[in-house]
Amino acid sequence: MYFNFRNISKSIFINSSTLIIFISLLFLKPCYGFDIYDLSIDNLGNKINLEFEINLREKNIIKQVVDDGKKVVMSFSIKIKKKRTFLWNKEVISYPLELEIYKDMIRGNYVLKVSNYKKIYRNFLSLCNDIRKFQINLGSWKKIERGQYVLLIESKVFAKGVPSWLKDILFFWNFNLSGPYYFEMEINY
């Protein structure tokens, strides 16, 4: 039996270099980050009113992903928790918010979908300007007793359409395009 060690070493080198390139491409994914600023909470008609603004740092990259036919979702989980001394903070109010951005490839328009509300835009910049400011009603102040609270906003950006079987196999991989980010503010009431 005769082995050609020269060809075996070449194929091992090619396979290992391909593997190194593949692994580096996995970890070098772009960041679709955004910042939350001007976060405020106030009383408007005896309701808890939350206002904040976001600054999309990577508008061009998100536009490119949407132009390629993918749906980009910006997810916000807003929670108000009562501060405790010895135990974990108790969640009092929870409010999920998801914005779905995609392009209608037939008409060429951009679509913003929030819950059952859909709005169509001719250009991507006007869509970004519309999602810059948020005003959210979190319910009545009667839900909250006097004390110290923490307002927590967890946000992330991800692409819809990743199969669940792939997420199960690659359980160690973060499929978010960006985040999760955590924004926190203490409240004395």
C-alpha atoms as a PDB file:
ATOM      1  CA  MET A   1       0.000   0.000   0.000  1.00  0.00           C
ATOM      2  CA  TYR A   2       1.374   3.408  -0.971  1.00  0.00           C
ATOM      3  CA  PHE A   3       0.424   6.811   0.519  1.00  0.00           C
ATOM      4  CA  ASN A   4       1.264  10.126  -1.009  1.00  0.00           C
ATOM      5  CA  PHE A   5       1.978  12.276   2.056  1.00  0.00           C
ATOM      6  CA  ARG A   6       2.550  15.383   0.001  1.00  0.00           C
ATOM      7  CA  ASN A   7      -1.093  15.470  -1.223  1.00  0.00           C
ATOM      8  CA  ILE A   8      -2.459  14.649   2.228  1.00  0.00           C
ATOM      9  CA  SER A   9      -0.563  17.511   3.858  1.00  0.00           C
ATOM     10  CA  LYS A  10      -1.777  19.902   1.138  1.00  0.00           C
ATOM     11  CA  SER A  11      -5.413  18.917   1.643  1.00  0.00           C
ATOM     12  CA  ILE A  12      -5.079  19.245   5.409  1.00  0.00           C
ATOM     13  CA  PHE A  13      -3.593  22.716   4.957  1.00  0.00           C
ATOM     14  CA  ILE A  14      -6.377  23.768   2.583  1.00  0.00           C
ATOM     15  CA  ASN A  15      -9.089  22.397   4.882  1.00  0.00           C
ATOM     16  CA  SER A  16      -7.640  24.046   7.989  1.00  0.00           C
ATOM     17  CA  SER A  17      -7.227  27.408   6.244  1.00  0.00           C
ATOM     18  CA  THR A  18     -10.788  27.206   4.949  1.00  0.00           C
ATOM     19  CA  LEU A  19     -11.966  26.454   8.464  1.00  0.00           C
ATOM     20  CA  ILE A  20     -10.033  29.420   9.885  1.00  0.00           C
ATOM     21  CA  ILE A  21     -11.526  31.764   7.258  1.00  0.00           C
ATOM     22  CA  PHE A  22     -15.020  30.410   7.929  1.00  0.00           C
ATOM     23  CA  ILE A  23     -14.681  30.865  11.702  1.00  0.00           C
ATOM     24  CA  SER A  24     -13.321  34.405  11.311  1.00  0.00           C
ATOM     25  CA  LEU A  25     -16.264  35.305   9.039  1.00  0.00           C
ATOM     26  CA  LEU A  26     -18.665  34.029  11.675  1.00  0.00           C
ATOM     27  CA  PHE A  27     -17.247  36.316  14.335  1.00  0.00           C
ATOM     28  CA  LEU A  28     -16.783  39.377  12.118  1.00  0.00           C
ATOM     29  CA  LYS A  29     -20.423  40.278  11.622  1.00  0.00           C
ATOM     30  CA  PRO A  30     -21.519  43.917  11.297  1.00  0.00           C
ATOM     31  CA  CYS A  31     -23.038  45.846  14.187  1.00  0.00           C
ATOM     32  CA  TYR A  32     -26.417  47.503  13.663  1.00  0.00           C
ATOM     33  CA  GLY A  33     -26.300  49.559  16.811  1.00  0.00           C
ATOM     34  CA  PHE A  34     -28.442  52.341  18.070  1.00  0.00           C
ATOM     35  CA  ASP A  35     -28.484  54.612  21.091  1.00  0.00           C
ATOM     36  CA  ILE A  36     -31.390  55.502  23.354  1.00  0.00           C
ATOM     37  CA  TYR A  37     -31.331  59.067  24.672  1.00  0.00           C
ATOM     38  CA  ASP A  38     -33.680  61.685  26.184  1.00  0.00           C
ATOM     39  CA  LEU A  39     -35.317  58.983  28.286  1.00  0.00           C
ATOM     40  CA  SER A  40     -38.057  60.467  30.482  1.00  0.00           C
ATOM     41  CA  ILE A  41     -41.039  59.233  32.413  1.00  0.00           C
ATOM     42  CA  ASP A  42     -43.873  61.504  33.504  1.00  0.00           C
ATOM     43  CA  ASN A  43     -47.542  61.772  34.412  1.00  0.00           C
ATOM     44  CA  LEU A  44     -49.863  62.554  31.518  1.00  0.00           C
ATOM     45  CA  GLY A  45     -53.570  62.254  32.339  1.00  0.00           C
ATOM     46  CA  ASN A  46     -52.801  60.083  35.395  1.00  0.00           C
ATOM     47  CA  LYS A  47     -51.037  57.626  33.073  1.00  0.00           C
ATOM     48  CA  ILE A  48     -47.389  56.559  33.083  1.00  0.00           C
ATOM     49  CA  ASN A  49     -45.961  58.165  29.969  1.00  0.00           C
ATOM     50  CA  LEU A  50     -42.535  57.055  28.725  1.00  0.00           C
ATOM     51  CA  GLU A  51     -40.677  59.033  26.091  1.00  0.00           C
ATOM     52  CA  PHE A  52     -37.343  58.314  24.463  1.00  0.00           C
ATOM     53  CA  GLU A  53     -35.491  58.805  21.206  1.00  0.00           C
ATOM     54  CA  ILE A  54     -33.232  56.448  19.309  1.00  0.00           C
ATOM     55  CA  ASN A  55     -30.302  57.229  17.073  1.00  0.00           C
ATOM     56  CA  LEU A  56     -29.651  54.570  14.451  1.00  0.00           C
ATOM     57  CA  ARG A  57     -25.899  54.514  13.997  1.00  0.00           C
ATOM     58  CA  GLU A  58     -25.876  52.177  11.001  1.00  0.00           C
ATOM     59  CA  LYS A  59     -28.720  53.423   8.796  1.00  0.00           C
ATOM     60  CA  ASN A  60     -26.916  52.564   5.557  1.00  0.00           C
ATOM     61  CA  ILE A  61     -26.165  48.998   6.629  1.00  0.00           C
ATOM     62  CA  ILE A  62     -29.746  48.400   7.808  1.00  0.00           C
ATOM     63  CA  LYS A  63     -30.994  49.848   4.502  1.00  0.00           C
ATOM     64  CA  GLN A  64     -28.735  47.450   2.615  1.00  0.00           C
ATOM     65  CA  VAL A  65     -30.074  44.453   4.579  1.00  0.00           C
ATOM     66  CA  VAL A  66     -33.673  45.568   3.961  1.00  0.00           C
ATOM     67  CA  ASP A  67     -32.937  46.209   0.261  1.00  0.00           C
ATOM     68  CA  ASP A  68     -31.673  42.616   0.018  1.00  0.00           C
ATOM     69  CA  GLY A  69     -35.175  41.427   0.930  1.00  0.00           C
ATOM     70  CA  LYS A  70     -34.670  40.612   4.614  1.00  0.00           C
ATOM     71  CA  LYS A  71     -36.887  41.793   7.445  1.00  0.00           C
ATOM     72  CA  VAL A  72     -35.160  43.676  10.245  1.00  0.00           C
ATOM     73  CA  VAL A  73     -36.844  43.716  13.652  1.00  0.00           C
ATOM     74  CA  MET A  74     -36.075  46.194  16.418  1.00  0.00           C
ATOM     75  CA  SER A  75     -37.303  44.745  19.687  1.00  0.00           C
ATOM     76  CA  PHE A  76     -37.773  46.651  22.946  1.00  0.00           C
ATOM     77  CA  SER A  77     -38.712  45.093  26.266  1.00  0.00           C
ATOM     78  CA  ILE A  78     -39.703  47.846  28.705  1.00  0.00           C
ATOM     79  CA  LYS A  79     -39.990  46.946  32.382  1.00  0.00           C
ATOM     80  CA  ILE A  80     -40.557  48.839  35.602  1.00  0.00           C
ATOM     81  CA  LYS A  81     -39.290  46.976  38.650  1.00  0.00           C
ATOM     82  CA  LYS A  82     -39.662  47.810  42.323  1.00  0.00           C
ATOM     83  CA  LYS A  83     -36.288  47.947  44.060  1.00  0.00           C
ATOM     84  CA  ARG A  84     -35.872  45.578  46.983  1.00  0.00           C
ATOM     85  CA  THR A  85     -33.134  45.513  49.568  1.00  0.00           C
ATOM     86  CA  PHE A  86     -32.392  41.810  49.919  1.00  0.00           C
ATOM     87  CA  LEU A  87     -34.309  40.086  47.113  1.00  0.00           C
ATOM     88  CA  TRP A  88     -34.371  40.543  43.356  1.00  0.00           C
ATOM     89  CA  ASN A  89     -36.319  43.484  42.059  1.00  0.00           C
ATOM     90  CA  LYS A  90     -40.045  42.790  41.594  1.00  0.00           C
ATOM     91  CA  GLU A  91     -41.447  43.412  38.117  1.00  0.00           C
ATOM     92  CA  VAL A  92     -44.484  45.712  38.240  1.00  0.00           C
ATOM     93  CA  ILE A  93     -45.018  46.653  34.580  1.00  0.00           C
ATOM     94  CA  SER A  94     -43.858  44.918  31.405  1.00  0.00           C
ATOM     95  CA  TYR A  95     -44.391  46.279  27.893  1.00  0.00           C
ATOM     96  CA  PRO A  96     -43.021  44.596  24.736  1.00  0.00           C
ATOM     97  CA  LEU A  97     -42.584  46.627  21.556  1.00  0.00           C
ATOM     98  CA  GLU A  98     -41.458  45.331  18.159  1.00  0.00           C
ATOM     99  CA  LEU A  99     -40.828  47.315  15.007  1.00  0.00           C
ATOM    100  CA  GLU A 100     -40.540  45.352  11.789  1.00  0.00           C
ATOM    101  CA  ILE A 101     -38.884  47.035   8.814  1.00  0.00           C
ATOM    102  CA  TYR A 102     -38.927  45.526   5.353  1.00  0.00           C
ATOM    103  CA  LYS A 103     -39.134  46.467   1.704  1.00  0.00           C
ATOM    104  CA  ASP A 104     -42.026  45.721  -0.605  1.00  0.00           C
ATOM    105  CA  MET A 105     -39.906  44.454  -3.478  1.00  0.00           C
ATOM    106  CA  ILE A 106     -42.692  44.752  -6.070  1.00  0.00           C
ATOM    107  CA  ARG A 107     -43.576  48.389  -5.395  1.00  0.00           C
ATOM    108  CA  GLY A 108     -40.162  49.482  -4.092  1.00  0.00           C
ATOM    109  CA  ASN A 109     -41.592  51.025  -0.910  1.00  0.00           C
ATOM    110  CA  TYR A 110     -40.325  50.587   2.639  1.00  0.00           C
ATOM    111  CA  VAL A 111     -42.781  49.284   5.216  1.00  0.00           C
ATOM    112  CA  LEU A 112     -42.835  49.849   8.976  1.00  0.00           C
ATOM    113  CA  LYS A 113     -45.010  47.431  10.917  1.00  0.00           C
ATOM    114  CA  VAL A 114     -45.819  47.988  14.599  1.00  0.00           C
ATOM    115  CA  SER A 115     -48.413  45.562  16.044  1.00  0.00           C
ATOM    116  CA  ASN A 116     -51.355  45.813  13.603  1.00  0.00           C
ATOM    117  CA  TYR A 117     -50.290  49.205  12.280  1.00  0.00           C
ATOM    118  CA  LYS A 118     -48.517  49.428   8.906  1.00  0.00           C
ATOM    119  CA  LYS A 119     -47.080  52.546   7.320  1.00  0.00           C
ATOM    120  CA  ILE A 120     -45.553  52.793   3.859  1.00  0.00           C
ATOM    121  CA  TYR A 121     -42.622  55.077   2.991  1.00  0.00           C
ATOM    122  CA  ARG A 122     -41.139  56.072  -0.339  1.00  0.00           C
ATOM    123  CA  ASN A 123     -37.600  56.443   1.035  1.00  0.00           C
ATOM    124  CA  PHE A 124     -35.693  54.897   3.912  1.00  0.00           C
ATOM    125  CA  LEU A 125     -34.618  58.202   5.490  1.00  0.00           C
ATOM    126  CA  SER A 126     -38.207  59.272   6.193  1.00  0.00           C
ATOM    127  CA  LEU A 127     -38.829  55.875   7.845  1.00  0.00           C
ATOM    128  CA  CYS A 128     -35.772  56.400  10.081  1.00  0.00           C
ATOM    129  CA  ASN A 129     -37.015  59.881  11.029  1.00  0.00           C
ATOM    130  CA  ASP A 130     -40.422  58.461  11.973  1.00  0.00           C
ATOM    131  CA  ILE A 131     -39.007  55.820  14.319  1.00  0.00           C
ATOM    132  CA  ARG A 132     -36.687  58.250  16.032  1.00  0.00           C
ATOM    133  CA  LYS A 133     -39.149  59.357  18.752  1.00  0.00           C
ATOM    134  CA  PHE A 134     -41.253  57.073  20.921  1.00  0.00           C
ATOM    135  CA  GLN A 135     -44.080  57.961  23.279  1.00  0.00           C
ATOM    136  CA  ILE A 136     -45.518  54.959  25.126  1.00  0.00           C
ATOM    137  CA  ASN A 137     -48.370  54.753  27.614  1.00  0.00           C
ATOM    138  CA  LEU A 138     -47.520  52.146  30.292  1.00  0.00           C
ATOM    139  CA  GLY A 139     -50.868  52.253  32.132  1.00  0.00           C
ATOM    140  CA  SER A 140     -52.180  53.898  35.265  1.00  0.00           C
ATOM    141  CA  TRP A 141     -50.065  55.218  38.127  1.00  0.00           C
ATOM    142  CA  LYS A 142     -52.350  53.226  40.452  1.00  0.00           C
ATOM    143  CA  LYS A 143     -50.262  50.126  39.660  1.00  0.00           C
ATOM    144  CA  ILE A 144     -47.318  51.694  41.464  1.00  0.00           C
ATOM    145  CA  GLU A 145     -46.943  52.344  45.190  1.00  0.00           C
ATOM    146  CA  ARG A 146     -44.609  54.926  46.681  1.00  0.00           C
ATOM    147  CA  GLY A 147     -40.977  53.845  46.653  1.00  0.00           C
ATOM    148  CA  GLN A 148     -37.910  53.324  44.492  1.00  0.00           C
ATOM    149  CA  TYR A 149     -38.150  51.755  41.049  1.00  0.00           C
ATOM    150  CA  VAL A 150     -35.927  50.861  38.135  1.00  0.00           C
ATOM    151  CA  LEU A 151     -36.966  51.477  34.538  1.00  0.00           C
ATOM    152  CA  LEU A 152     -35.200  48.930  32.321  1.00  0.00           C
ATOM    153  CA  ILE A 153     -35.243  48.888  28.524  1.00  0.00           C
ATOM    154  CA  GLU A 154     -33.714  45.870  26.791  1.00  0.00           C
ATOM    155  CA  SER A 155     -33.314  46.363  23.060  1.00  0.00           C
ATOM    156  CA  LYS A 156     -31.948  44.326  20.191  1.00  0.00           C
ATOM    157  CA  VAL A 157     -31.963  44.242  16.411  1.00  0.00           C
ATOM    158  CA  PHE A 158     -32.355  40.947  14.599  1.00  0.00           C
ATOM    159  CA  ALA A 159     -33.240  39.586  11.174  1.00  0.00           C
ATOM    160  CA  LYS A 160     -36.400  37.554  10.849  1.00  0.00           C
ATOM    161  CA  GLY A 161     -36.357  34.280   9.027  1.00  0.00           C
ATOM    162  CA  VAL A 162     -33.559  32.320  10.697  1.00  0.00           C
ATOM    163  CA  PRO A 163     -34.857  28.733  10.895  1.00  0.00           C
ATOM    164  CA  SER A 164     -35.426  27.381  14.405  1.00  0.00           C
ATOM    165  CA  TRP A 165     -33.570  24.147  13.605  1.00  0.00           C
ATOM    166  CA  LEU A 166     -30.453  26.211  12.868  1.00  0.00           C
ATOM    167  CA  LYS A 167     -30.853  28.086  16.164  1.00  0.00           C
ATOM    168  CA  ASP A 168     -31.158  24.730  17.967  1.00  0.00           C
ATOM    169  CA  ILE A 169     -28.005  23.329  16.371  1.00  0.00           C
ATOM    170  CA  LEU A 170     -25.963  26.511  16.896  1.00  0.00           C
ATOM    171  CA  PHE A 171     -27.304  27.199  20.405  1.00  0.00           C
ATOM    172  CA  PHE A 172     -24.055  28.963  21.374  1.00  0.00           C
ATOM    173  CA  TRP A 173     -24.358  31.541  18.565  1.00  0.00           C
ATOM    174  CA  ASN A 174     -26.053  34.919  19.037  1.00  0.00           C
ATOM    175  CA  PHE A 175     -28.312  35.439  16.005  1.00  0.00           C
ATOM    176  CA  ASN A 176     -28.999  39.096  16.864  1.00  0.00           C
ATOM    177  CA  LEU A 177     -27.658  41.644  14.421  1.00  0.00           C
ATOM    178  CA  SER A 178     -27.015  43.904  17.383  1.00  0.00           C
ATOM    179  CA  GLY A 179     -27.526  43.782  21.107  1.00  0.00           C
ATOM    180  CA  PRO A 180     -29.022  43.100  23.462  1.00  0.00           C
ATOM    181  CA  TYR A 181     -28.467  46.541  24.936  1.00  0.00           C
ATOM    182  CA  TYR A 182     -29.687  47.519  28.394  1.00  0.00           C
ATOM    183  CA  PHE A 183     -30.721  51.017  29.380  1.00  0.00           C
ATOM    184  CA  GLU A 184     -31.578  51.675  32.991  1.00  0.00           C
ATOM    185  CA  MET A 185     -32.975  54.620  34.952  1.00  0.00           C
ATOM    186  CA  GLU A 186     -33.823  54.831  38.649  1.00  0.00           C
ATOM    187  CA  ILE A 187     -37.119  56.415  39.690  1.00  0.00           C
ATOM    188  CA  ASN A 188     -38.187  57.733  43.095  1.00  0.00           C
ATOM    189  CA  TYR A 189     -41.965  57.976  43.377  1.00  0.00           C
END
